[in-house]
Amino acid sequence: MSSLNISTLDHIQILAVQKAYSDSFSKILWISAIISGISILFSLGSFTRNPVTLAEKTQLQIVAEKERLRLRAENVRNDSLHDGESEVMSGEQVMESTKRNEV
């Protein structure tokens, strides 16, 4: 592919090349403006006045995970009681049972 040597073109060809480049640039600008507008709308949609701090979010996740594990242990204990076992399972036993049930 050869580069365009504009000095070898006549006036009409130069204008055609300029128009092609101008049209292409205009389309790229429109696409960029649309993407920027969509980005601004998304950022406005995700804005919160009092955002949760990272420490608070971590604490909420810890509480939710503890509750999930508690419920899982309760379900496993209930299942094992139905199977004739009467012992309360430790956290490690619950995790082992969970792994066996997921596989």
PDB file of N, CA and C in Angstrom:
ATOM      1  N   MET A   1       0.857  -1.175   0.000  1.00  0.00           N
ATOM      2  CA  MET A   1       0.000   0.000   0.000  1.00  0.00           C
ATOM      3  C   MET A   1       0.900   1.234   0.000  1.00  0.00           C
ATOM      4  N   SER A   2       0.666   2.107  -0.910  1.00  0.00           N
ATOM      5  CA  SER A   2       1.490   3.311  -1.015  1.00  0.00           C
ATOM      6  C   SER A   2       0.826   4.457  -0.270  1.00  0.00           C
ATOM      7  N   SER A   3       1.641   5.367   0.201  1.00  0.00           N
ATOM      8  CA  SER A   3       1.102   6.539   0.880  1.00  0.00           C
ATOM      9  C   SER A   3       0.588   7.530  -0.157  1.00  0.00           C
ATOM     10  N   LEU A   4      -0.308   8.372   0.285  1.00  0.00           N
ATOM     11  CA  LEU A   4      -0.928   9.336  -0.619  1.00  0.00           C
ATOM     12  C   LEU A   4      -0.009  10.547  -0.781  1.00  0.00           C
ATOM     13  N   ASN A   5       0.377  10.807  -2.009  1.00  0.00           N
ATOM     14  CA  ASN A   5       1.173  12.000  -2.310  1.00  0.00           C
ATOM     15  C   ASN A   5       0.220  13.020  -2.900  1.00  0.00           C
ATOM     16  N   ILE A   6      -0.198  13.945  -2.074  1.00  0.00           N
ATOM     17  CA  ILE A   6      -1.234  14.898  -2.477  1.00  0.00           C
ATOM     18  C   ILE A   6      -0.744  15.864  -3.556  1.00  0.00           C
ATOM     19  N   SER A   7       0.551  16.038  -3.699  1.00  0.00           N
ATOM     20  CA  SER A   7       1.068  16.980  -4.705  1.00  0.00           C
ATOM     21  C   SER A   7       0.870  16.462  -6.128  1.00  0.00           C
ATOM     22  N   THR A   8       0.632  15.181  -6.290  1.00  0.00           N
ATOM     23  CA  THR A   8       0.427  14.632  -7.638  1.00  0.00           C
ATOM     24  C   THR A   8      -1.034  14.663  -8.062  1.00  0.00           C
ATOM     25  N   LEU A   9      -1.934  15.085  -7.173  1.00  0.00           N
ATOM     26  CA  LEU A   9      -3.369  15.103  -7.481  1.00  0.00           C
ATOM     27  C   LEU A   9      -3.788  16.460  -8.022  1.00  0.00           C
ATOM     28  N   ASP A  10      -4.840  16.441  -8.832  1.00  0.00           N
ATOM     29  CA  ASP A  10      -5.383  17.720  -9.294  1.00  0.00           C
ATOM     30  C   ASP A  10      -6.330  18.264  -8.215  1.00  0.00           C
ATOM     31  N   HIS A  11      -6.876  19.452  -8.455  1.00  0.00           N
ATOM     32  CA  HIS A  11      -7.673  20.162  -7.463  1.00  0.00           C
ATOM     33  C   HIS A  11      -8.927  19.372  -7.060  1.00  0.00           C
ATOM     34  N   ILE A  12      -9.626  18.786  -7.988  1.00  0.00           N
ATOM     35  CA  ILE A  12     -10.860  18.036  -7.688  1.00  0.00           C
ATOM     36  C   ILE A  12     -10.536  16.802  -6.847  1.00  0.00           C
ATOM     37  N   GLN A  13      -9.447  16.121  -7.149  1.00  0.00           N
ATOM     38  CA  GLN A  13      -9.063  14.948  -6.367  1.00  0.00           C
ATOM     39  C   GLN A  13      -8.654  15.348  -4.941  1.00  0.00           C
ATOM     40  N   ILE A  14      -7.981  16.470  -4.816  1.00  0.00           N
ATOM     41  CA  ILE A  14      -7.592  16.961  -3.486  1.00  0.00           C
ATOM     42  C   ILE A  14      -8.841  17.251  -2.649  1.00  0.00           C
ATOM     43  N   LEU A  15      -9.825  17.894  -3.273  1.00  0.00           N
ATOM     44  CA  LEU A  15     -11.069  18.182  -2.556  1.00  0.00           C
ATOM     45  C   LEU A  15     -11.792  16.894  -2.164  1.00  0.00           C
ATOM     46  N   ALA A  16     -11.764  15.891  -3.023  1.00  0.00           N
ATOM     47  CA  ALA A  16     -12.398  14.613  -2.710  1.00  0.00           C
ATOM     48  C   ALA A  16     -11.712  13.924  -1.520  1.00  0.00           C
ATOM     49  N   VAL A  17     -10.390  13.976  -1.509  1.00  0.00           N
ATOM     50  CA  VAL A  17      -9.637  13.375  -0.389  1.00  0.00           C
ATOM     51  C   VAL A  17      -9.927  14.129   0.900  1.00  0.00           C
ATOM     52  N   GLN A  18      -9.943  15.455   0.839  1.00  0.00           N
ATOM     53  CA  GLN A  18     -10.241  16.256   2.026  1.00  0.00           C
ATOM     54  C   GLN A  18     -11.640  15.963   2.555  1.00  0.00           C
ATOM     55  N   LYS A  19     -12.602  15.808   1.628  1.00  0.00           N
ATOM     56  CA  LYS A  19     -13.974  15.506   2.043  1.00  0.00           C
ATOM     57  C   LYS A  19     -14.048  14.134   2.697  1.00  0.00           C
ATOM     58  N   ALA A  20     -13.339  13.169   2.132  1.00  0.00           N
ATOM     59  CA  ALA A  20     -13.351  11.817   2.709  1.00  0.00           C
ATOM     60  C   ALA A  20     -12.774  11.834   4.128  1.00  0.00           C
ATOM     61  N   TYR A  21     -11.651  12.501   4.305  1.00  0.00           N
ATOM     62  CA  TYR A  21     -11.039  12.595   5.630  1.00  0.00           C
ATOM     63  C   TYR A  21     -11.948  13.370   6.590  1.00  0.00           C
ATOM     64  N   SER A  22     -12.555  14.444   6.104  1.00  0.00           N
ATOM     65  CA  SER A  22     -13.442  15.251   6.931  1.00  0.00           C
ATOM     66  C   SER A  22     -14.664  14.447   7.374  1.00  0.00           C
ATOM     67  N   ASP A  23     -15.266  13.705   6.439  1.00  0.00           N
ATOM     68  CA  ASP A  23     -16.433  12.877   6.780  1.00  0.00           C
ATOM     69  C   ASP A  23     -16.074  11.793   7.793  1.00  0.00           C
ATOM     70  N   SER A  24     -14.937  11.164   7.589  1.00  0.00           N
ATOM     71  CA  SER A  24     -14.493  10.124   8.519  1.00  0.00           C
ATOM     72  C   SER A  24     -14.265  10.705   9.909  1.00  0.00           C
ATOM     73  N   PHE A  25     -13.592  11.841   9.972  1.00  0.00           N
ATOM     74  CA  PHE A  25     -13.326  12.479  11.254  1.00  0.00           C
ATOM     75  C   PHE A  25     -14.631  12.874  11.942  1.00  0.00           C
ATOM     76  N   SER A  26     -15.582  13.383  11.171  1.00  0.00           N
ATOM     77  CA  SER A  26     -16.870  13.778  11.727  1.00  0.00           C
ATOM     78  C   SER A  26     -17.613  12.585  12.321  1.00  0.00           C
ATOM     79  N   LYS A  27     -17.597  11.448  11.609  1.00  0.00           N
ATOM     80  CA  LYS A  27     -18.256  10.244  12.130  1.00  0.00           C
ATOM     81  C   LYS A  27     -17.588   9.752  13.407  1.00  0.00           C
ATOM     82  N   ILE A  28     -16.269   9.789  13.444  1.00  0.00           N
ATOM     83  CA  ILE A  28     -15.548   9.351  14.642  1.00  0.00           C
ATOM     84  C   ILE A  28     -15.875  10.266  15.818  1.00  0.00           C
ATOM     85  N   LEU A  29     -15.980  11.570  15.555  1.00  0.00           N
ATOM     86  CA  LEU A  29     -16.344  12.499  16.630  1.00  0.00           C
ATOM     87  C   LEU A  29     -17.744  12.215  17.158  1.00  0.00           C
ATOM     88  N   TRP A  30     -18.693  11.926  16.283  1.00  0.00           N
ATOM     89  CA  TRP A  30     -20.054  11.605  16.710  1.00  0.00           C
ATOM     90  C   TRP A  30     -20.066  10.337  17.559  1.00  0.00           C
ATOM     91  N   ILE A  31     -19.352   9.331  17.131  1.00  0.00           N
ATOM     92  CA  ILE A  31     -19.291   8.082  17.894  1.00  0.00           C
ATOM     93  C   ILE A  31     -18.672   8.336  19.273  1.00  0.00           C
ATOM     94  N   SER A  32     -17.611   9.126  19.310  1.00  0.00           N
ATOM     95  CA  SER A  32     -16.961   9.452  20.585  1.00  0.00           C
ATOM     96  C   SER A  32     -17.903  10.240  21.496  1.00  0.00           C
ATOM     97  N   ALA A  33     -18.642  11.170  20.934  1.00  0.00           N
ATOM     98  CA  ALA A  33     -19.588  11.966  21.721  1.00  0.00           C
ATOM     99  C   ALA A  33     -20.702  11.087  22.286  1.00  0.00           C
ATOM    100  N   ILE A  34     -21.187  10.149  21.496  1.00  0.00           N
ATOM    101  CA  ILE A  34     -22.241   9.252  21.965  1.00  0.00           C
ATOM    102  C   ILE A  34     -21.727   8.371  23.101  1.00  0.00           C
ATOM    103  N   ILE A  35     -20.542   7.818  22.931  1.00  0.00           N
ATOM    104  CA  ILE A  35     -19.950   6.980  23.986  1.00  0.00           C
ATOM    105  C   ILE A  35     -19.712   7.800  25.256  1.00  0.00           C
ATOM    106  N   SER A  36     -19.254   9.026  25.102  1.00  0.00           N
ATOM    107  CA  SER A  36     -19.044   9.896  26.263  1.00  0.00           C
ATOM    108  C   SER A  36     -20.359  10.195  26.968  1.00  0.00           C
ATOM    109  N   GLY A  37     -21.389  10.465  26.205  1.00  0.00           N
ATOM    110  CA  GLY A  37     -22.707  10.731  26.797  1.00  0.00           C
ATOM    111  C   GLY A  37     -23.241   9.539  27.552  1.00  0.00           C
ATOM    112  N   ILE A  38     -23.098   8.356  26.986  1.00  0.00           N
ATOM    113  CA  ILE A  38     -23.550   7.139  27.669  1.00  0.00           C
ATOM    114  C   ILE A  38     -22.750   6.938  28.953  1.00  0.00           C
ATOM    115  N   SER A  39     -21.459   7.195  28.903  1.00  0.00           N
ATOM    116  CA  SER A  39     -20.606   7.058  30.100  1.00  0.00           C
ATOM    117  C   SER A  39     -21.049   8.020  31.194  1.00  0.00           C
ATOM    118  N   ILE A  40     -21.367   9.230  30.814  1.00  0.00           N
ATOM    119  CA  ILE A  40     -21.828  10.212  31.796  1.00  0.00           C
ATOM    120  C   ILE A  40     -23.147   9.770  32.410  1.00  0.00           C
ATOM    121  N   LEU A  41     -24.066   9.260  31.606  1.00  0.00           N
ATOM    122  CA  LEU A  41     -25.347   8.782  32.136  1.00  0.00           C
ATOM    123  C   LEU A  41     -25.143   7.631  33.118  1.00  0.00           C
ATOM    124  N   PHE A  42     -24.267   6.692  32.775  1.00  0.00           N
ATOM    125  CA  PHE A  42     -23.988   5.580  33.687  1.00  0.00           C
ATOM    126  C   PHE A  42     -23.358   6.074  34.989  1.00  0.00           C
ATOM    127  N   SER A  43     -22.445   7.017  34.890  1.00  0.00           N
ATOM    128  CA  SER A  43     -21.809   7.520  36.109  1.00  0.00           C
ATOM    129  C   SER A  43     -22.814   8.275  36.981  1.00  0.00           C
ATOM    130  N   LEU A  44     -23.728   9.018  36.366  1.00  0.00           N
ATOM    131  CA  LEU A  44     -24.765   9.697  37.150  1.00  0.00           C
ATOM    132  C   LEU A  44     -25.723   8.691  37.782  1.00  0.00           C
ATOM    133  N   GLY A  45     -25.987   7.607  37.071  1.00  0.00           N
ATOM    134  CA  GLY A  45     -26.885   6.576  37.599  1.00  0.00           C
ATOM    135  C   GLY A  45     -26.287   5.800  38.752  1.00  0.00           C
ATOM    136  N   SER A  46     -24.965   5.756  38.832  1.00  0.00           N
ATOM    137  CA  SER A  46     -24.332   4.997  39.907  1.00  0.00           C
ATOM    138  C   SER A  46     -23.880   5.885  41.067  1.00  0.00           C
ATOM    139  N   PHE A  47     -24.142   7.153  41.012  1.00  0.00           N
ATOM    140  CA  PHE A  47     -23.733   8.077  42.066  1.00  0.00           C
ATOM    141  C   PHE A  47     -24.583   7.872  43.310  1.00  0.00           C
ATOM    142  N   THR A  48     -23.924   7.860  44.466  1.00  0.00           N
ATOM    143  CA  THR A  48     -24.646   7.828  45.746  1.00  0.00           C
ATOM    144  C   THR A  48     -24.122   8.955  46.621  1.00  0.00           C
ATOM    145  N   ARG A  49     -25.022   9.535  47.391  1.00  0.00           N
ATOM    146  CA  ARG A  49     -24.641  10.654  48.237  1.00  0.00           C
ATOM    147  C   ARG A  49     -23.733  10.228  49.390  1.00  0.00           C
ATOM    148  N   ASN A  50     -24.091   9.161  50.064  1.00  0.00           N
ATOM    149  CA  ASN A  50     -23.315   8.673  51.202  1.00  0.00           C
ATOM    150  C   ASN A  50     -22.842   7.251  50.894  1.00  0.00           C
ATOM    151  N   PRO A  51     -21.784   7.123  50.135  1.00  0.00           N
ATOM    152  CA  PRO A  51     -21.335   5.781  49.760  1.00  0.00           C
ATOM    153  C   PRO A  51     -20.811   5.004  50.971  1.00  0.00           C
ATOM    154  N   VAL A  52     -20.968   3.689  50.906  1.00  0.00           N
ATOM    155  CA  VAL A  52     -20.475   2.822  51.964  1.00  0.00           C
ATOM    156  C   VAL A  52     -18.947   2.758  51.852  1.00  0.00           C
ATOM    157  N   THR A  53     -18.278   2.910  52.998  1.00  0.00           N
ATOM    158  CA  THR A  53     -16.824   2.830  52.976  1.00  0.00           C
ATOM    159  C   THR A  53     -16.386   1.386  52.760  1.00  0.00           C
ATOM    160  N   LEU A  54     -15.149   1.213  52.410  1.00  0.00           N
ATOM    161  CA  LEU A  54     -14.611  -0.124  52.178  1.00  0.00           C
ATOM    162  C   LEU A  54     -14.672  -0.961  53.449  1.00  0.00           C
ATOM    163  N   ALA A  55     -14.383  -0.358  54.604  1.00  0.00           N
ATOM    164  CA  ALA A  55     -14.431  -1.078  55.879  1.00  0.00           C
ATOM    165  C   ALA A  55     -15.858  -1.537  56.186  1.00  0.00           C
ATOM    166  N   GLU A  56     -16.835  -0.651  55.953  1.00  0.00           N
ATOM    167  CA  GLU A  56     -18.239  -1.018  56.193  1.00  0.00           C
ATOM    168  C   GLU A  56     -18.686  -2.129  55.254  1.00  0.00           C
ATOM    169  N   LYS A  57     -18.289  -2.024  54.001  1.00  0.00           N
ATOM    170  CA  LYS A  57     -18.657  -3.044  53.023  1.00  0.00           C
ATOM    171  C   LYS A  57     -18.044  -4.397  53.390  1.00  0.00           C
ATOM    172  N   THR A  58     -16.786  -4.382  53.830  1.00  0.00           N
ATOM    173  CA  THR A  58     -16.129  -5.612  54.256  1.00  0.00           C
ATOM    174  C   THR A  58     -16.858  -6.217  55.446  1.00  0.00           C
ATOM    175  N   GLN A  59     -17.231  -5.379  56.408  1.00  0.00           N
ATOM    176  CA  GLN A  59     -17.953  -5.866  57.590  1.00  0.00           C
ATOM    177  C   GLN A  59     -19.301  -6.460  57.196  1.00  0.00           C
ATOM    178  N   LEU A  60     -20.008  -5.836  56.273  1.00  0.00           N
ATOM    179  CA  LEU A  60     -21.292  -6.374  55.811  1.00  0.00           C
ATOM    180  C   LEU A  60     -21.107  -7.734  55.135  1.00  0.00           C
ATOM    181  N   GLN A  61     -20.035  -7.867  54.360  1.00  0.00           N
ATOM    182  CA  GLN A  61     -19.767  -9.153  53.706  1.00  0.00           C
ATOM    183  C   GLN A  61     -19.431 -10.227  54.719  1.00  0.00           C
ATOM    184  N   ILE A  62     -18.694  -9.875  55.780  1.00  0.00           N
ATOM    185  CA  ILE A  62     -18.353 -10.840  56.823  1.00  0.00           C
ATOM    186  C   ILE A  62     -19.615 -11.304  57.535  1.00  0.00           C
ATOM    187  N   VAL A  63     -20.494 -10.362  57.873  1.00  0.00           N
ATOM    188  CA  VAL A  63     -21.749 -10.717  58.544  1.00  0.00           C
ATOM    189  C   VAL A  63     -22.596 -11.618  57.648  1.00  0.00           C
ATOM    190  N   ALA A  64     -22.684 -11.280  56.363  1.00  0.00           N
ATOM    191  CA  ALA A  64     -23.482 -12.090  55.434  1.00  0.00           C
ATOM    192  C   ALA A  64     -22.895 -13.486  55.283  1.00  0.00           C
ATOM    193  N   GLU A  65     -21.577 -13.590  55.229  1.00  0.00           N
ATOM    194  CA  GLU A  65     -20.932 -14.899  55.089  1.00  0.00           C
ATOM    195  C   GLU A  65     -21.124 -15.745  56.346  1.00  0.00           C
ATOM    196  N   LYS A  66     -21.022 -15.129  57.530  1.00  0.00           N
ATOM    197  CA  LYS A  66     -21.262 -15.863  58.775  1.00  0.00           C
ATOM    198  C   LYS A  66     -22.695 -16.390  58.816  1.00  0.00           C
ATOM    199  N   GLU A  67     -23.633 -15.567  58.392  1.00  0.00           N
ATOM    200  CA  GLU A  67     -25.035 -15.995  58.375  1.00  0.00           C
ATOM    201  C   GLU A  67     -25.245 -17.126  57.382  1.00  0.00           C
ATOM    202  N   ARG A  68     -24.596 -17.043  56.227  1.00  0.00           N
ATOM    203  CA  ARG A  68     -24.714 -18.102  55.235  1.00  0.00           C
ATOM    204  C   ARG A  68     -24.155 -19.408  55.771  1.00  0.00           C
ATOM    205  N   LEU A  69     -22.989 -19.337  56.422  1.00  0.00           N
ATOM    206  CA  LEU A  69     -22.389 -20.541  56.997  1.00  0.00           C
ATOM    207  C   LEU A  69     -23.243 -21.103  58.130  1.00  0.00           C
ATOM    208  N   ARG A  70     -23.826 -20.216  58.939  1.00  0.00           N
ATOM    209  CA  ARG A  70     -24.695 -20.672  60.027  1.00  0.00           C
ATOM    210  C   ARG A  70     -25.896 -21.421  59.477  1.00  0.00           C
ATOM    211  N   LEU A  71     -26.526 -20.845  58.445  1.00  0.00           N
ATOM    212  CA  LEU A  71     -27.681 -21.503  57.841  1.00  0.00           C
ATOM    213  C   LEU A  71     -27.286 -22.814  57.180  1.00  0.00           C
ATOM    214  N   ARG A  72     -26.119 -22.817  56.550  1.00  0.00           N
ATOM    215  CA  ARG A  72     -25.639 -24.047  55.908  1.00  0.00           C
ATOM    216  C   ARG A  72     -25.385 -25.134  56.951  1.00  0.00           C
ATOM    217  N   ALA A  73     -24.768 -24.748  58.087  1.00  0.00           N
ATOM    218  CA  ALA A  73     -24.515 -25.711  59.168  1.00  0.00           C
ATOM    219  C   ALA A  73     -25.826 -26.231  59.733  1.00  0.00           C
ATOM    220  N   GLU A  74     -26.798 -25.346  59.857  1.00  0.00           N
ATOM    221  CA  GLU A  74     -28.106 -25.757  60.368  1.00  0.00           C
ATOM    222  C   GLU A  74     -28.769 -26.753  59.413  1.00  0.00           C
ATOM    223  N   ASN A  75     -28.675 -26.480  58.121  1.00  0.00           N
ATOM    224  CA  ASN A  75     -29.263 -27.395  57.140  1.00  0.00           C
ATOM    225  C   ASN A  75     -28.555 -28.739  57.139  1.00  0.00           C
ATOM    226  N   VAL A  76     -27.217 -28.705  57.231  1.00  0.00           N
ATOM    227  CA  VAL A  76     -26.459 -29.959  57.247  1.00  0.00           C
ATOM    228  C   VAL A  76     -26.786 -30.740  58.511  1.00  0.00           C
ATOM    229  N   ARG A  77     -26.877 -30.036  59.640  1.00  0.00           N
ATOM    230  CA  ARG A  77     -27.213 -30.697  60.899  1.00  0.00           C
ATOM    231  C   ARG A  77     -28.604 -31.319  60.811  1.00  0.00           C
ATOM    232  N   ASN A  78     -29.549 -30.594  60.248  1.00  0.00           N
ATOM    233  CA  ASN A  78     -30.905 -31.141  60.095  1.00  0.00           C
ATOM    234  C   ASN A  78     -30.908 -32.356  59.181  1.00  0.00           C
ATOM    235  N   ASP A  79     -30.130 -32.281  58.097  1.00  0.00           N
ATOM    236  CA  ASP A  79     -30.040 -33.422  57.182  1.00  0.00           C
ATOM    237  C   ASP A  79     -29.428 -34.627  57.874  1.00  0.00           C
ATOM    238  N   SER A  80     -28.374 -34.396  58.684  1.00  0.00           N
ATOM    239  CA  SER A  80     -27.720 -35.523  59.349  1.00  0.00           C
ATOM    240  C   SER A  80     -28.602 -36.079  60.453  1.00  0.00           C
ATOM    241  N   LEU A  81     -29.416 -35.244  61.103  1.00  0.00           N
ATOM    242  CA  LEU A  81     -30.346 -35.749  62.113  1.00  0.00           C
ATOM    243  C   LEU A  81     -31.404 -36.637  61.469  1.00  0.00           C
ATOM    244  N   HIS A  82     -31.786 -36.287  60.272  1.00  0.00           N
ATOM    245  CA  HIS A  82     -32.762 -37.099  59.550  1.00  0.00           C
ATOM    246  C   HIS A  82     -32.156 -38.432  59.133  1.00  0.00           C
ATOM    247  N   ASP A  83     -30.830 -38.443  58.959  1.00  0.00           N
ATOM    248  CA  ASP A  83     -30.141 -39.673  58.580  1.00  0.00           C
ATOM    249  C   ASP A  83     -29.807 -40.544  59.776  1.00  0.00           C
ATOM    250  N   GLY A  84     -30.206 -40.144  60.988  1.00  0.00           N
ATOM    251  CA  GLY A  84     -29.965 -40.935  62.180  1.00  0.00           C
ATOM    252  C   GLY A  84     -28.766 -40.493  62.982  1.00  0.00           C
ATOM    253  N   GLU A  85     -28.018 -39.492  62.533  1.00  0.00           N
ATOM    254  CA  GLU A  85     -26.883 -38.995  63.293  1.00  0.00           C
ATOM    255  C   GLU A  85     -27.387 -37.968  64.296  1.00  0.00           C
ATOM    256  N   SER A  86     -26.767 -37.908  65.444  1.00  0.00           N
ATOM    257  CA  SER A  86     -27.252 -36.985  66.463  1.00  0.00           C
ATOM    258  C   SER A  86     -26.194 -35.979  66.902  1.00  0.00           C
ATOM    259  N   GLU A  87     -25.002 -35.998  66.305  1.00  0.00           N
ATOM    260  CA  GLU A  87     -23.946 -35.089  66.734  1.00  0.00           C
ATOM    261  C   GLU A  87     -24.058 -33.740  66.033  1.00  0.00           C
ATOM    262  N   VAL A  88     -23.568 -32.724  66.702  1.00  0.00           N
ATOM    263  CA  VAL A  88     -23.510 -31.387  66.124  1.00  0.00           C
ATOM    264  C   VAL A  88     -22.182 -31.287  65.392  1.00  0.00           C
ATOM    265  N   MET A  89     -22.228 -30.793  64.165  1.00  0.00           N
ATOM    266  CA  MET A  89     -21.027 -30.747  63.331  1.00  0.00           C
ATOM    267  C   MET A  89     -20.229 -29.479  63.603  1.00  0.00           C
ATOM    268  N   SER A  90     -18.921 -29.622  63.540  1.00  0.00           N
ATOM    269  CA  SER A  90     -18.042 -28.459  63.651  1.00  0.00           C
ATOM    270  C   SER A  90     -18.029 -27.722  62.312  1.00  0.00           C
ATOM    271  N   GLY A  91     -17.422 -26.553  62.305  1.00  0.00           N
ATOM    272  CA  GLY A  91     -17.338 -25.784  61.069  1.00  0.00           C
ATOM    273  C   GLY A  91     -16.584 -26.524  59.979  1.00  0.00           C
ATOM    274  N   GLU A  92     -15.505 -27.234  60.362  1.00  0.00           N
ATOM    275  CA  GLU A  92     -14.737 -27.994  59.375  1.00  0.00           C
ATOM    276  C   GLU A  92     -15.558 -29.140  58.802  1.00  0.00           C
ATOM    277  N   GLN A  93     -16.346 -29.784  59.659  1.00  0.00           N
ATOM    278  CA  GLN A  93     -17.191 -30.877  59.184  1.00  0.00           C
ATOM    279  C   GLN A  93     -18.255 -30.348  58.228  1.00  0.00           C
ATOM    280  N   VAL A  94     -18.764 -29.159  58.528  1.00  0.00           N
ATOM    281  CA  VAL A  94     -19.764 -28.549  57.645  1.00  0.00           C
ATOM    282  C   VAL A  94     -19.144 -28.267  56.286  1.00  0.00           C
ATOM    283  N   MET A  95     -17.907 -27.723  56.279  1.00  0.00           N
ATOM    284  CA  MET A  95     -17.246 -27.423  55.019  1.00  0.00           C
ATOM    285  C   MET A  95     -16.983 -28.700  54.227  1.00  0.00           C
ATOM    286  N   GLU A  96     -16.564 -29.773  54.907  1.00  0.00           N
ATOM    287  CA  GLU A  96     -16.331 -31.049  54.228  1.00  0.00           C
ATOM    288  C   GLU A  96     -17.632 -31.582  53.642  1.00  0.00           C
ATOM    289  N   SER A  97     -18.694 -31.497  54.435  1.00  0.00           N
ATOM    290  CA  SER A  97     -19.987 -31.984  53.954  1.00  0.00           C
ATOM    291  C   SER A  97     -20.475 -31.166  52.761  1.00  0.00           C
ATOM    292  N   THR A  98     -20.237 -29.855  52.822  1.00  0.00           N
ATOM    293  CA  THR A  98     -20.627 -28.966  51.732  1.00  0.00           C
ATOM    294  C   THR A  98     -19.881 -29.337  50.461  1.00  0.00           C
ATOM    295  N   LYS A  99     -18.574 -29.587  50.601  1.00  0.00           N
ATOM    296  CA  LYS A  99     -17.779 -29.971  49.432  1.00  0.00           C
ATOM    297  C   LYS A  99     -18.280 -31.279  48.836  1.00  0.00           C
ATOM    298  N   ARG A 100     -18.604 -32.241  49.705  1.00  0.00           N
ATOM    299  CA  ARG A 100     -19.095 -33.538  49.200  1.00  0.00           C
ATOM    300  C   ARG A 100     -20.436 -33.381  48.499  1.00  0.00           C
ATOM    301  N   ASN A 101     -21.296 -32.515  49.052  1.00  0.00           N
ATOM    302  CA  ASN A 101     -22.637 -32.327  48.461  1.00  0.00           C
ATOM    303  C   ASN A 101     -22.575 -31.565  47.142  1.00  0.00           C
ATOM    304  N   GLU A 102     -21.574 -30.673  46.991  1.00  0.00           N
ATOM    305  CA  GLU A 102     -21.470 -29.894  45.762  1.00  0.00           C
ATOM    306  C   GLU A 102     -20.890 -30.710  44.622  1.00  0.00           C
ATOM    307  N   VAL A 103     -20.118 -31.729  44.925  1.00  0.00           N
ATOM    308  CA  VAL A 103     -19.477 -32.541  43.888  1.00  0.00           C
ATOM    309  C   VAL A 103     -20.421 -33.542  43.392  1.00  0.00           C
TER     310      VAL A 103
END
